């Protein structure tokens, strides 16, 4: 990427962006031809430059689905850096960005399932696109698997509450990863404190109307 464009994205200066476009009307077009690249939207998302990111989404919405060399989309980067407002603005423009798969097939929902439901982002994701809970990683992990592996009881409670309202609840809870484990198997075998182990297993088995 042109260094001037990179610096402009990092600073979040929209006026400088249009000055670059005036000098070279194709300054953004060539980025579309590179399969894996840090676009100005990636840089703005990482830096938390919301206004610049929204302008870029207006000009080149295709950038929102591109992955950089680390296999991350702009919304992945915004999540990792804790830029909640920017994540929500991106989601408002295109709810399907929640389902963009990055490295290891992980979606933004999978990332939240790993790190926890900060700022109620998980609730907002599921409200905007409930079906994203059906997405799996390259290891065939659901958000349930990831929540259990990372001992995120707060995440699991939200996921199960939503799943109980869906006709694909059994499908998701029964999903086996590449090792043949369901999330319930992981909850039963995970080396967790007894009380937390019971809570995880009870929540999951409740989807089957069983008790662990």
N, C-alpha and C. Protein backbone atom coordinates (compact mmCIF):
# COMPACT_ATOMS: atom_id res chain seq x y z
N UNK A 1 0.84 -1.19 0.00
CA UNK A 1 0.00 0.00 0.00
C UNK A 1 0.88 1.24 0.00
N UNK A 2 0.41 2.26 -0.70
CA UNK A 2 1.10 3.54 -0.71
C UNK A 2 1.27 4.04 0.73
N UNK A 3 2.51 4.49 1.05
CA UNK A 3 2.80 4.89 2.43
C UNK A 3 1.99 6.11 2.86
N UNK A 4 1.70 7.00 1.92
CA UNK A 4 0.87 8.17 2.25
C UNK A 4 -0.54 7.73 2.62
N UNK A 5 -1.05 6.75 1.90
CA UNK A 5 -2.39 6.23 2.18
C UNK A 5 -2.39 5.51 3.53
N UNK A 6 -1.35 4.76 3.81
CA UNK A 6 -1.25 4.07 5.10
C UNK A 6 -1.24 5.07 6.27
N UNK A 7 -0.44 6.12 6.11
CA UNK A 7 -0.35 7.14 7.17
C UNK A 7 -1.68 7.86 7.35
N UNK A 8 -2.35 8.13 6.25
CA UNK A 8 -3.65 8.81 6.31
C UNK A 8 -4.68 7.96 7.04
N UNK A 9 -4.68 6.65 6.77
CA UNK A 9 -5.60 5.75 7.45
C UNK A 9 -5.28 5.67 8.94
N UNK A 10 -4.00 5.62 9.27
CA UNK A 10 -3.59 5.52 10.67
C UNK A 10 -3.99 6.77 11.46
N UNK A 11 -3.91 7.92 10.79
CA UNK A 11 -4.27 9.18 11.44
C UNK A 11 -5.77 9.43 11.41
N UNK A 12 -6.49 8.69 10.55
CA UNK A 12 -7.94 8.85 10.45
C UNK A 12 -8.37 10.17 9.85
N UNK A 13 -7.55 10.71 8.94
CA UNK A 13 -7.83 12.02 8.36
C UNK A 13 -8.57 11.88 7.03
N UNK A 14 -9.85 12.16 7.06
CA UNK A 14 -10.68 12.00 5.86
C UNK A 14 -10.31 13.04 4.79
N UNK A 15 -9.98 14.23 5.20
CA UNK A 15 -9.60 15.28 4.23
C UNK A 15 -8.35 14.87 3.46
N UNK A 16 -7.37 14.29 4.17
CA UNK A 16 -6.15 13.83 3.50
C UNK A 16 -6.45 12.68 2.55
N UNK A 17 -7.42 11.85 2.90
CA UNK A 17 -7.82 10.75 2.02
C UNK A 17 -8.29 11.30 0.68
N UNK A 18 -9.16 12.30 0.72
CA UNK A 18 -9.68 12.84 -0.54
C UNK A 18 -8.62 13.63 -1.30
N UNK A 19 -7.63 14.17 -0.60
CA UNK A 19 -6.51 14.82 -1.29
C UNK A 19 -5.72 13.79 -2.08
N UNK A 20 -5.54 12.59 -1.50
CA UNK A 20 -4.85 11.51 -2.22
C UNK A 20 -5.67 11.04 -3.42
N UNK A 21 -6.98 10.96 -3.24
CA UNK A 21 -7.86 10.53 -4.34
C UNK A 21 -7.83 11.55 -5.47
N UNK A 22 -7.74 12.83 -5.14
CA UNK A 22 -7.66 13.87 -6.18
C UNK A 22 -6.38 13.72 -7.00
N UNK A 23 -5.30 13.33 -6.34
CA UNK A 23 -4.03 13.16 -7.05
C UNK A 23 -4.00 11.87 -7.86
N UNK A 24 -4.70 10.86 -7.37
CA UNK A 24 -4.71 9.57 -8.07
C UNK A 24 -6.06 8.91 -7.84
N UNK A 25 -6.90 8.98 -8.85
CA UNK A 25 -8.25 8.46 -8.74
C UNK A 25 -8.32 6.95 -8.59
N UNK A 26 -7.23 6.24 -8.85
CA UNK A 26 -7.20 4.79 -8.74
C UNK A 26 -6.45 4.32 -7.49
N UNK A 27 -6.24 5.20 -6.54
CA UNK A 27 -5.42 4.86 -5.38
C UNK A 27 -6.02 3.71 -4.57
N UNK A 28 -7.33 3.54 -4.60
CA UNK A 28 -7.97 2.45 -3.86
C UNK A 28 -8.24 1.23 -4.72
N UNK A 29 -8.40 1.44 -6.02
CA UNK A 29 -8.80 0.35 -6.91
C UNK A 29 -7.80 -0.80 -6.90
N UNK A 30 -6.53 -0.49 -6.94
CA UNK A 30 -5.52 -1.55 -7.06
C UNK A 30 -5.51 -2.47 -5.85
N UNK A 31 -5.99 -1.99 -4.71
CA UNK A 31 -6.03 -2.83 -3.51
C UNK A 31 -7.04 -3.96 -3.66
N UNK A 32 -8.05 -3.75 -4.49
CA UNK A 32 -9.05 -4.79 -4.72
C UNK A 32 -8.45 -6.02 -5.41
N UNK A 33 -7.36 -5.82 -6.13
CA UNK A 33 -6.76 -6.90 -6.91
C UNK A 33 -5.82 -7.77 -6.10
N UNK A 34 -5.54 -7.37 -4.87
CA UNK A 34 -4.67 -8.17 -3.99
C UNK A 34 -5.55 -8.98 -3.05
N UNK A 35 -5.33 -10.29 -3.02
CA UNK A 35 -6.24 -11.15 -2.26
C UNK A 35 -6.12 -10.95 -0.75
N UNK A 36 -4.89 -10.91 -0.23
CA UNK A 36 -4.67 -10.73 1.20
C UNK A 36 -3.83 -9.48 1.42
N UNK A 37 -4.43 -8.50 2.09
CA UNK A 37 -3.75 -7.21 2.22
C UNK A 37 -4.36 -6.39 3.35
N UNK A 38 -3.52 -5.57 3.97
CA UNK A 38 -4.03 -4.57 4.90
C UNK A 38 -4.55 -3.40 4.08
N UNK A 39 -5.85 -3.21 4.06
CA UNK A 39 -6.45 -2.08 3.37
C UNK A 39 -6.50 -0.88 4.33
N UNK A 40 -6.81 0.31 3.83
CA UNK A 40 -7.00 1.44 4.75
C UNK A 40 -8.08 1.17 5.79
N UNK A 41 -9.07 0.35 5.45
CA UNK A 41 -10.11 0.02 6.42
C UNK A 41 -9.55 -0.85 7.54
N UNK A 42 -8.66 -1.77 7.21
CA UNK A 42 -8.00 -2.57 8.25
C UNK A 42 -7.24 -1.68 9.21
N UNK A 43 -6.48 -0.75 8.66
CA UNK A 43 -5.66 0.11 9.49
C UNK A 43 -6.53 1.00 10.38
N UNK A 44 -7.58 1.57 9.81
CA UNK A 44 -8.49 2.41 10.58
C UNK A 44 -9.18 1.61 11.68
N UNK A 45 -9.56 0.37 11.37
CA UNK A 45 -10.21 -0.49 12.37
C UNK A 45 -9.27 -0.80 13.52
N UNK A 46 -8.02 -1.06 13.19
CA UNK A 46 -7.04 -1.37 14.23
C UNK A 46 -6.76 -0.16 15.12
N UNK A 47 -6.76 1.02 14.51
CA UNK A 47 -6.47 2.25 15.25
C UNK A 47 -7.70 2.84 15.94
N UNK A 48 -8.88 2.33 15.59
CA UNK A 48 -10.10 2.85 16.20
C UNK A 48 -10.57 4.16 15.60
N UNK A 49 -10.21 4.42 14.35
CA UNK A 49 -10.60 5.66 13.65
C UNK A 49 -11.97 5.46 13.02
N UNK A 50 -13.01 5.66 13.81
CA UNK A 50 -14.36 5.31 13.38
C UNK A 50 -14.82 6.13 12.17
N UNK A 51 -14.64 7.43 12.20
CA UNK A 51 -15.12 8.27 11.10
C UNK A 51 -14.44 7.90 9.79
N UNK A 52 -13.13 7.68 9.83
CA UNK A 52 -12.41 7.29 8.63
C UNK A 52 -12.90 5.93 8.13
N UNK A 53 -13.11 5.01 9.04
CA UNK A 53 -13.59 3.67 8.67
C UNK A 53 -14.96 3.74 8.00
N UNK A 54 -15.84 4.60 8.51
CA UNK A 54 -17.17 4.73 7.91
C UNK A 54 -17.07 5.34 6.50
N UNK A 55 -16.15 6.28 6.33
CA UNK A 55 -15.95 6.87 5.00
C UNK A 55 -15.43 5.82 4.04
N UNK A 56 -14.53 4.98 4.53
CA UNK A 56 -13.98 3.92 3.70
C UNK A 56 -15.04 2.88 3.35
N UNK A 57 -15.91 2.58 4.30
CA UNK A 57 -17.01 1.65 4.02
C UNK A 57 -17.93 2.21 2.95
N UNK A 58 -18.10 3.51 2.94
CA UNK A 58 -18.92 4.16 1.93
C UNK A 58 -18.27 4.06 0.56
N UNK A 59 -16.96 4.24 0.51
CA UNK A 59 -16.24 4.25 -0.77
C UNK A 59 -15.95 2.84 -1.28
N UNK A 60 -15.51 1.96 -0.37
CA UNK A 60 -15.07 0.62 -0.78
C UNK A 60 -15.59 -0.42 0.22
N UNK A 61 -16.87 -0.73 0.18
CA UNK A 61 -17.41 -1.72 1.11
C UNK A 61 -16.78 -3.09 0.97
N UNK A 62 -16.18 -3.38 -0.20
CA UNK A 62 -15.54 -4.68 -0.42
C UNK A 62 -14.37 -4.90 0.54
N UNK A 63 -13.76 -3.82 1.02
CA UNK A 63 -12.61 -3.95 1.93
C UNK A 63 -13.00 -4.64 3.24
N UNK A 64 -14.27 -4.52 3.62
CA UNK A 64 -14.71 -5.07 4.92
C UNK A 64 -14.62 -6.58 4.96
N UNK A 65 -14.60 -7.24 3.81
CA UNK A 65 -14.55 -8.70 3.76
C UNK A 65 -13.17 -9.23 3.40
N UNK A 66 -12.24 -8.33 3.15
CA UNK A 66 -10.89 -8.76 2.84
C UNK A 66 -10.15 -9.19 4.10
N UNK A 67 -9.25 -10.16 3.95
CA UNK A 67 -8.39 -10.59 5.04
C UNK A 67 -6.98 -10.07 4.80
N UNK A 68 -6.30 -9.71 5.88
CA UNK A 68 -4.92 -9.27 5.74
C UNK A 68 -3.99 -10.49 5.79
N UNK A 69 -2.69 -10.25 5.87
CA UNK A 69 -1.74 -11.36 5.85
C UNK A 69 -1.83 -12.23 7.09
N UNK A 70 -2.43 -11.73 8.14
CA UNK A 70 -2.63 -12.52 9.36
C UNK A 70 -3.99 -13.24 9.36
N UNK A 71 -4.72 -13.10 8.24
CA UNK A 71 -6.02 -13.76 8.14
C UNK A 71 -7.11 -13.10 8.93
N UNK A 72 -7.04 -11.76 9.06
CA UNK A 72 -8.03 -11.03 9.84
C UNK A 72 -8.73 -9.98 8.99
N UNK A 73 -10.02 -9.83 9.20
CA UNK A 73 -10.80 -8.80 8.54
C UNK A 73 -10.79 -7.54 9.41
N UNK A 74 -11.27 -6.42 8.89
CA UNK A 74 -11.34 -5.21 9.72
C UNK A 74 -12.12 -5.38 11.01
N UNK A 75 -13.25 -6.08 10.97
CA UNK A 75 -14.04 -6.23 12.20
C UNK A 75 -13.32 -7.13 13.21
N UNK A 76 -12.55 -8.12 12.73
CA UNK A 76 -11.72 -8.91 13.64
C UNK A 76 -10.73 -8.00 14.36
N UNK A 77 -10.08 -7.12 13.61
CA UNK A 77 -9.07 -6.24 14.19
C UNK A 77 -9.68 -5.28 15.20
N UNK A 78 -10.84 -4.71 14.85
CA UNK A 78 -11.51 -3.79 15.77
C UNK A 78 -11.89 -4.49 17.07
N UNK A 79 -12.32 -5.73 16.97
CA UNK A 79 -12.65 -6.52 18.15
C UNK A 79 -11.43 -6.75 19.02
N UNK A 80 -10.34 -7.19 18.39
CA UNK A 80 -9.12 -7.49 19.14
C UNK A 80 -8.59 -6.27 19.89
N UNK A 81 -8.76 -5.10 19.28
CA UNK A 81 -8.25 -3.88 19.90
C UNK A 81 -9.26 -3.22 20.84
N UNK A 82 -10.44 -3.81 20.96
CA UNK A 82 -11.42 -3.30 21.90
C UNK A 82 -12.17 -2.05 21.45
N UNK A 83 -12.24 -1.83 20.13
CA UNK A 83 -12.94 -0.65 19.61
C UNK A 83 -14.41 -1.00 19.38
N UNK A 84 -15.16 -1.03 20.49
CA UNK A 84 -16.54 -1.50 20.46
C UNK A 84 -17.44 -0.65 19.56
N UNK A 85 -17.31 0.66 19.64
CA UNK A 85 -18.16 1.53 18.82
C UNK A 85 -17.95 1.25 17.34
N UNK A 86 -16.71 1.07 16.95
CA UNK A 86 -16.41 0.80 15.55
C UNK A 86 -16.97 -0.55 15.13
N UNK A 87 -16.86 -1.54 15.98
CA UNK A 87 -17.45 -2.86 15.69
C UNK A 87 -18.94 -2.73 15.43
N UNK A 88 -19.63 -2.00 16.28
CA UNK A 88 -21.08 -1.85 16.15
C UNK A 88 -21.46 -1.08 14.90
N UNK A 89 -20.67 -0.07 14.55
CA UNK A 89 -20.95 0.71 13.34
C UNK A 89 -20.77 -0.16 12.09
N UNK A 90 -19.73 -0.97 12.08
CA UNK A 90 -19.53 -1.88 10.95
C UNK A 90 -20.68 -2.87 10.84
N UNK A 91 -21.12 -3.37 11.98
CA UNK A 91 -22.21 -4.33 12.01
C UNK A 91 -23.52 -3.70 11.54
N UNK A 92 -23.75 -2.44 11.87
CA UNK A 92 -24.96 -1.75 11.43
C UNK A 92 -25.02 -1.65 9.91
N UNK A 93 -23.88 -1.44 9.30
CA UNK A 93 -23.83 -1.32 7.85
C UNK A 93 -24.04 -2.67 7.18
N UNK A 94 -23.45 -3.72 7.75
CA UNK A 94 -23.55 -5.05 7.14
C UNK A 94 -23.50 -6.10 8.26
N UNK A 95 -24.66 -6.63 8.63
CA UNK A 95 -24.71 -7.61 9.72
C UNK A 95 -23.96 -8.90 9.38
N UNK A 96 -23.80 -9.20 8.10
CA UNK A 96 -23.13 -10.44 7.70
C UNK A 96 -21.63 -10.41 7.99
N UNK A 97 -21.10 -9.22 8.34
CA UNK A 97 -19.69 -9.16 8.70
C UNK A 97 -19.41 -9.99 9.96
N UNK A 98 -20.43 -10.23 10.76
CA UNK A 98 -20.29 -11.07 11.94
C UNK A 98 -19.89 -12.48 11.55
N UNK A 99 -20.20 -12.87 10.30
CA UNK A 99 -19.96 -14.24 9.86
C UNK A 99 -18.72 -14.39 8.97
N UNK A 100 -17.97 -13.30 8.80
CA UNK A 100 -16.75 -13.38 7.99
C UNK A 100 -15.74 -14.27 8.71
N UNK A 101 -15.22 -15.27 7.99
CA UNK A 101 -14.27 -16.21 8.59
C UNK A 101 -12.84 -15.76 8.33
N UNK A 102 -12.08 -15.69 9.40
CA UNK A 102 -10.68 -15.32 9.30
C UNK A 102 -9.79 -16.54 9.51
N UNK A 103 -8.62 -16.32 10.07
CA UNK A 103 -7.67 -17.41 10.33
C UNK A 103 -8.33 -18.51 11.14
N UNK A 104 -8.07 -19.76 10.74
CA UNK A 104 -8.65 -20.95 11.38
C UNK A 104 -10.17 -21.00 11.26
N UNK A 105 -10.72 -20.20 10.35
CA UNK A 105 -12.17 -20.20 10.15
C UNK A 105 -12.93 -19.53 11.26
N UNK A 106 -12.25 -18.72 12.08
CA UNK A 106 -12.91 -18.08 13.21
C UNK A 106 -13.64 -16.81 12.79
N UNK A 107 -14.86 -16.69 13.23
CA UNK A 107 -15.67 -15.50 12.98
C UNK A 107 -15.55 -14.55 14.18
N UNK A 108 -16.03 -13.32 14.05
CA UNK A 108 -16.07 -12.43 15.22
C UNK A 108 -16.82 -13.04 16.40
N UNK A 109 -17.88 -13.81 16.13
CA UNK A 109 -18.61 -14.47 17.22
C UNK A 109 -17.70 -15.46 17.95
N UNK A 110 -16.90 -16.20 17.21
CA UNK A 110 -15.97 -17.15 17.83
C UNK A 110 -14.97 -16.41 18.71
N UNK A 111 -14.54 -15.25 18.25
CA UNK A 111 -13.57 -14.47 19.03
C UNK A 111 -14.19 -14.04 20.37
N UNK A 112 -15.41 -13.54 20.33
CA UNK A 112 -16.09 -13.14 21.56
C UNK A 112 -16.29 -14.34 22.49
N UNK A 113 -16.60 -15.48 21.91
CA UNK A 113 -16.79 -16.69 22.71
C UNK A 113 -15.52 -17.09 23.43
N UNK A 114 -14.39 -16.67 22.90
CA UNK A 114 -13.09 -16.98 23.50
C UNK A 114 -12.72 -16.00 24.60
N UNK A 115 -12.99 -14.71 24.38
CA UNK A 115 -12.50 -13.69 25.31
C UNK A 115 -13.55 -13.21 26.31
N UNK A 116 -14.83 -13.49 26.06
CA UNK A 116 -15.87 -13.07 26.99
C UNK A 116 -16.82 -12.04 26.41
N UNK A 117 -17.97 -11.91 27.05
CA UNK A 117 -19.05 -11.06 26.55
C UNK A 117 -18.90 -9.62 27.05
N UNK A 118 -17.79 -8.98 26.69
CA UNK A 118 -17.55 -7.61 27.12
C UNK A 118 -18.49 -6.63 26.39
N UNK A 119 -19.01 -5.67 27.13
CA UNK A 119 -19.90 -4.65 26.58
C UNK A 119 -21.15 -5.26 25.92
N UNK A 120 -21.50 -6.46 26.33
CA UNK A 120 -22.70 -7.16 25.79
C UNK A 120 -22.64 -7.31 24.27
N UNK A 121 -21.44 -7.40 23.72
CA UNK A 121 -21.32 -7.54 22.27
C UNK A 121 -21.94 -8.84 21.77
N UNK A 122 -21.81 -9.90 22.55
CA UNK A 122 -22.39 -11.18 22.13
C UNK A 122 -23.89 -11.05 21.95
N UNK A 123 -24.56 -10.41 22.91
CA UNK A 123 -26.01 -10.22 22.80
C UNK A 123 -26.36 -9.42 21.55
N UNK A 124 -25.58 -8.40 21.27
CA UNK A 124 -25.84 -7.56 20.09
C UNK A 124 -25.60 -8.33 18.80
N UNK A 125 -24.57 -9.16 18.78
CA UNK A 125 -24.30 -9.99 17.60
C UNK A 125 -25.46 -10.94 17.33
N UNK A 126 -25.91 -11.61 18.36
CA UNK A 126 -26.98 -12.59 18.18
C UNK A 126 -28.30 -11.93 17.84
N UNK A 127 -28.52 -10.74 18.35
CA UNK A 127 -29.73 -9.99 18.00
C UNK A 127 -29.72 -9.61 16.53
N UNK A 128 -28.56 -9.25 16.03
CA UNK A 128 -28.44 -8.82 14.63
C UNK A 128 -28.43 -10.00 13.67
N UNK A 129 -27.85 -11.13 14.10
CA UNK A 129 -27.71 -12.28 13.20
C UNK A 129 -27.64 -13.55 14.03
N UNK A 130 -28.79 -14.06 14.43
CA UNK A 130 -28.83 -15.23 15.31
C UNK A 130 -28.19 -16.46 14.67
N UNK A 131 -28.30 -16.59 13.36
CA UNK A 131 -27.78 -17.78 12.69
C UNK A 131 -26.26 -17.88 12.72
N UNK A 132 -25.58 -16.82 13.15
CA UNK A 132 -24.11 -16.89 13.20
C UNK A 132 -23.64 -17.93 14.20
N UNK A 133 -24.51 -18.36 15.11
CA UNK A 133 -24.14 -19.38 16.08
C UNK A 133 -23.94 -20.73 15.42
N UNK A 134 -24.39 -20.89 14.19
CA UNK A 134 -24.25 -22.16 13.48
C UNK A 134 -22.90 -22.29 12.78
N UNK A 135 -22.15 -21.20 12.72
CA UNK A 135 -20.86 -21.20 12.02
C UNK A 135 -19.83 -21.99 12.81
N UNK A 136 -18.96 -22.69 12.07
CA UNK A 136 -17.92 -23.50 12.70
C UNK A 136 -16.55 -23.12 12.16
N UNK A 137 -15.52 -23.40 12.95
CA UNK A 137 -14.15 -23.13 12.54
C UNK A 137 -13.63 -24.28 11.67
N UNK A 138 -12.38 -24.19 11.27
CA UNK A 138 -11.78 -25.27 10.47
C UNK A 138 -11.65 -26.56 11.27
N UNK A 139 -11.69 -26.46 12.60
CA UNK A 139 -11.65 -27.65 13.46
C UNK A 139 -13.06 -28.13 13.81
N UNK A 140 -14.04 -27.54 13.14
CA UNK A 140 -15.45 -27.86 13.36
C UNK A 140 -15.91 -27.49 14.77
N UNK A 141 -15.30 -26.45 15.32
CA UNK A 141 -15.71 -25.93 16.62
C UNK A 141 -16.82 -24.92 16.46
N UNK A 142 -17.87 -25.06 17.25
CA UNK A 142 -18.91 -24.05 17.34
C UNK A 142 -18.52 -23.04 18.41
N UNK A 143 -19.32 -21.99 18.53
CA UNK A 143 -19.11 -21.04 19.62
C UNK A 143 -19.25 -21.73 20.97
N UNK A 144 -20.08 -22.77 21.05
CA UNK A 144 -20.24 -23.52 22.29
C UNK A 144 -18.94 -24.20 22.69
N UNK A 145 -18.31 -24.89 21.72
CA UNK A 145 -17.02 -25.54 21.98
C UNK A 145 -16.02 -24.52 22.54
N UNK A 146 -15.95 -23.38 21.87
CA UNK A 146 -14.95 -22.37 22.22
C UNK A 146 -15.22 -21.80 23.61
N UNK A 147 -16.49 -21.54 23.91
CA UNK A 147 -16.84 -21.02 25.23
C UNK A 147 -16.47 -22.00 26.34
N UNK A 148 -16.73 -23.28 26.11
CA UNK A 148 -16.41 -24.30 27.11
C UNK A 148 -14.89 -24.41 27.28
N UNK A 149 -14.16 -24.46 26.17
CA UNK A 149 -12.71 -24.61 26.23
C UNK A 149 -12.05 -23.45 26.98
N UNK A 150 -12.66 -22.26 26.86
CA UNK A 150 -12.09 -21.08 27.49
C UNK A 150 -12.78 -20.70 28.80
N UNK A 151 -13.64 -21.61 29.28
CA UNK A 151 -14.31 -21.44 30.58
C UNK A 151 -15.10 -20.14 30.66
N UNK A 152 -15.81 -19.83 29.58
CA UNK A 152 -16.59 -18.60 29.52
C UNK A 152 -18.05 -18.90 29.81
N UNK A 153 -18.35 -19.02 31.09
CA UNK A 153 -19.73 -19.32 31.50
C UNK A 153 -20.68 -18.21 31.09
N UNK A 154 -20.21 -16.96 31.14
CA UNK A 154 -21.06 -15.83 30.74
C UNK A 154 -21.48 -15.94 29.28
N UNK A 155 -20.55 -16.40 28.45
CA UNK A 155 -20.84 -16.59 27.02
C UNK A 155 -21.81 -17.75 26.83
N UNK A 156 -21.52 -18.86 27.50
CA UNK A 156 -22.35 -20.05 27.33
C UNK A 156 -23.80 -19.78 27.73
N UNK A 157 -24.02 -19.02 28.78
CA UNK A 157 -25.37 -18.71 29.22
C UNK A 157 -26.15 -17.96 28.15
N UNK A 158 -25.50 -17.00 27.49
CA UNK A 158 -26.15 -16.23 26.44
C UNK A 158 -26.43 -17.11 25.22
N UNK A 159 -25.46 -17.93 24.85
CA UNK A 159 -25.63 -18.80 23.68
C UNK A 159 -26.77 -19.79 23.88
N UNK A 160 -26.81 -20.41 25.04
CA UNK A 160 -27.85 -21.40 25.32
C UNK A 160 -29.23 -20.75 25.37
N UNK A 161 -29.31 -19.58 25.96
CA UNK A 161 -30.60 -18.87 26.03
C UNK A 161 -31.15 -18.62 24.62
N UNK A 162 -30.26 -18.23 23.70
CA UNK A 162 -30.70 -17.99 22.33
C UNK A 162 -31.04 -19.30 21.62
N UNK A 163 -30.22 -20.32 21.81
CA UNK A 163 -30.43 -21.59 21.13
C UNK A 163 -31.76 -22.24 21.50
N UNK A 164 -32.17 -22.08 22.73
CA UNK A 164 -33.43 -22.71 23.16
C UNK A 164 -34.63 -22.17 22.39
N UNK A 165 -34.47 -21.04 21.73
CA UNK A 165 -35.56 -20.45 20.94
C UNK A 165 -35.52 -20.91 19.48
N UNK A 166 -34.49 -21.67 19.11
CA UNK A 166 -34.29 -22.02 17.71
C UNK A 166 -34.53 -23.49 17.44
N UNK A 167 -35.03 -23.77 16.22
CA UNK A 167 -35.28 -25.16 15.88
C UNK A 167 -34.02 -25.92 15.52
N UNK A 168 -32.89 -25.23 15.45
CA UNK A 168 -31.62 -25.90 15.17
C UNK A 168 -30.77 -26.07 16.44
N UNK A 169 -31.41 -25.95 17.59
CA UNK A 169 -30.69 -26.09 18.86
C UNK A 169 -29.96 -27.43 18.93
N UNK A 170 -30.67 -28.50 18.65
CA UNK A 170 -30.07 -29.84 18.76
C UNK A 170 -28.92 -30.00 17.78
N UNK A 171 -29.07 -29.44 16.59
CA UNK A 171 -28.00 -29.50 15.58
C UNK A 171 -26.71 -28.88 16.10
N UNK A 172 -26.82 -27.71 16.70
CA UNK A 172 -25.63 -27.00 17.18
C UNK A 172 -25.01 -27.70 18.38
N UNK A 173 -25.85 -28.10 19.33
CA UNK A 173 -25.34 -28.74 20.54
C UNK A 173 -24.74 -30.11 20.24
N UNK A 174 -25.26 -30.79 19.24
CA UNK A 174 -24.76 -32.11 18.87
C UNK A 174 -23.55 -32.07 17.94
N UNK A 175 -23.19 -30.88 17.48
CA UNK A 175 -22.07 -30.76 16.53
C UNK A 175 -20.78 -31.29 17.16
N UNK A 176 -20.11 -32.19 16.43
CA UNK A 176 -18.85 -32.75 16.91
C UNK A 176 -17.67 -32.07 16.22
N UNK A 177 -16.62 -31.83 16.99
CA UNK A 177 -15.43 -31.24 16.40
C UNK A 177 -14.62 -32.32 15.69
N UNK A 178 -13.43 -31.95 15.20
CA UNK A 178 -12.64 -32.91 14.41
C UNK A 178 -12.17 -34.11 15.24
N UNK A 179 -12.24 -33.99 16.56
CA UNK A 179 -11.87 -35.10 17.43
C UNK A 179 -13.09 -35.90 17.90
N UNK A 180 -14.26 -35.53 17.38
CA UNK A 180 -15.47 -36.26 17.72
C UNK A 180 -16.13 -35.81 19.01
N UNK A 181 -15.74 -34.64 19.52
CA UNK A 181 -16.29 -34.16 20.78
C UNK A 181 -17.37 -33.11 20.56
N UNK A 182 -18.49 -33.25 21.26
CA UNK A 182 -19.47 -32.18 21.33
C UNK A 182 -19.01 -31.22 22.44
N UNK A 183 -19.67 -30.08 22.54
CA UNK A 183 -19.34 -29.15 23.62
C UNK A 183 -19.61 -29.78 24.99
N UNK A 184 -20.63 -30.63 25.05
CA UNK A 184 -20.95 -31.31 26.31
C UNK A 184 -19.83 -32.27 26.71
N UNK A 185 -19.25 -32.97 25.72
CA UNK A 185 -18.11 -33.84 26.00
C UNK A 185 -16.96 -33.03 26.59
N UNK A 186 -16.71 -31.88 26.01
CA UNK A 186 -15.62 -31.04 26.50
C UNK A 186 -15.89 -30.55 27.92
N UNK A 187 -17.14 -30.19 28.17
CA UNK A 187 -17.51 -29.71 29.51
C UNK A 187 -17.30 -30.82 30.54
N UNK A 188 -17.59 -32.05 30.15
CA UNK A 188 -17.46 -33.18 31.08
C UNK A 188 -16.01 -33.55 31.33
N UNK A 189 -15.15 -33.34 30.32
CA UNK A 189 -13.76 -33.78 30.44
C UNK A 189 -12.80 -32.67 30.83
N UNK A 190 -13.26 -31.43 30.69
CA UNK A 190 -12.38 -30.29 30.97
C UNK A 190 -12.01 -30.27 32.45
N UNK A 191 -10.75 -29.93 32.72
CA UNK A 191 -10.27 -29.88 34.10
C UNK A 191 -10.67 -28.56 34.74
N UNK A 192 -11.93 -28.48 35.16
CA UNK A 192 -12.47 -27.26 35.74
C UNK A 192 -12.86 -27.50 37.19
N UNK A 193 -12.97 -26.42 37.96
CA UNK A 193 -13.50 -26.58 39.32
C UNK A 193 -14.87 -27.25 39.27
N UNK A 194 -15.17 -28.07 40.25
CA UNK A 194 -16.37 -28.90 40.21
C UNK A 194 -17.64 -28.08 40.00
N UNK A 195 -17.78 -26.95 40.67
CA UNK A 195 -19.00 -26.15 40.56
C UNK A 195 -19.18 -25.63 39.14
N UNK A 196 -18.08 -25.12 38.56
CA UNK A 196 -18.18 -24.60 37.19
C UNK A 196 -18.44 -25.73 36.21
N UNK A 197 -17.78 -26.86 36.42
CA UNK A 197 -18.02 -28.03 35.56
C UNK A 197 -19.50 -28.38 35.55
N UNK A 198 -20.11 -28.41 36.72
CA UNK A 198 -21.53 -28.76 36.81
C UNK A 198 -22.39 -27.75 36.05
N UNK A 199 -22.07 -26.45 36.19
CA UNK A 199 -22.85 -25.41 35.51
C UNK A 199 -22.76 -25.55 34.00
N UNK A 200 -21.57 -25.81 33.51
CA UNK A 200 -21.38 -25.95 32.06
C UNK A 200 -22.19 -27.15 31.56
N UNK A 201 -22.01 -28.29 32.19
CA UNK A 201 -22.67 -29.51 31.75
C UNK A 201 -24.18 -29.39 31.86
N UNK A 202 -24.66 -28.78 32.94
CA UNK A 202 -26.11 -28.63 33.16
C UNK A 202 -26.72 -27.74 32.07
N UNK A 203 -26.06 -26.64 31.75
CA UNK A 203 -26.56 -25.74 30.71
C UNK A 203 -26.66 -26.45 29.37
N UNK A 204 -25.61 -27.15 29.01
CA UNK A 204 -25.58 -27.82 27.71
C UNK A 204 -26.59 -28.97 27.65
N UNK A 205 -26.63 -29.78 28.67
CA UNK A 205 -27.54 -30.92 28.65
C UNK A 205 -29.00 -30.46 28.67
N UNK A 206 -29.23 -29.23 29.17
CA UNK A 206 -30.58 -28.69 29.17
C UNK A 206 -31.15 -28.55 27.79
N UNK A 207 -30.30 -28.37 26.80
CA UNK A 207 -30.76 -28.28 25.41
C UNK A 207 -31.33 -29.60 24.93
N UNK A 208 -30.88 -30.69 25.55
CA UNK A 208 -31.41 -32.01 25.19
C UNK A 208 -32.59 -32.41 26.07
N UNK A 209 -32.90 -31.51 27.08
CA UNK A 209 -33.89 -31.83 28.10
C UNK A 209 -33.40 -33.03 28.92
N UNK A 210 -32.08 -33.07 29.13
CA UNK A 210 -31.46 -34.10 29.97
C UNK A 210 -30.74 -33.41 31.12
N UNK A 211 -30.17 -34.16 31.99
CA UNK A 211 -29.34 -33.63 33.06
C UNK A 211 -28.06 -34.41 33.14
N UNK A 212 -26.94 -33.66 33.24
CA UNK A 212 -25.63 -34.32 33.30
C UNK A 212 -25.43 -34.92 34.69
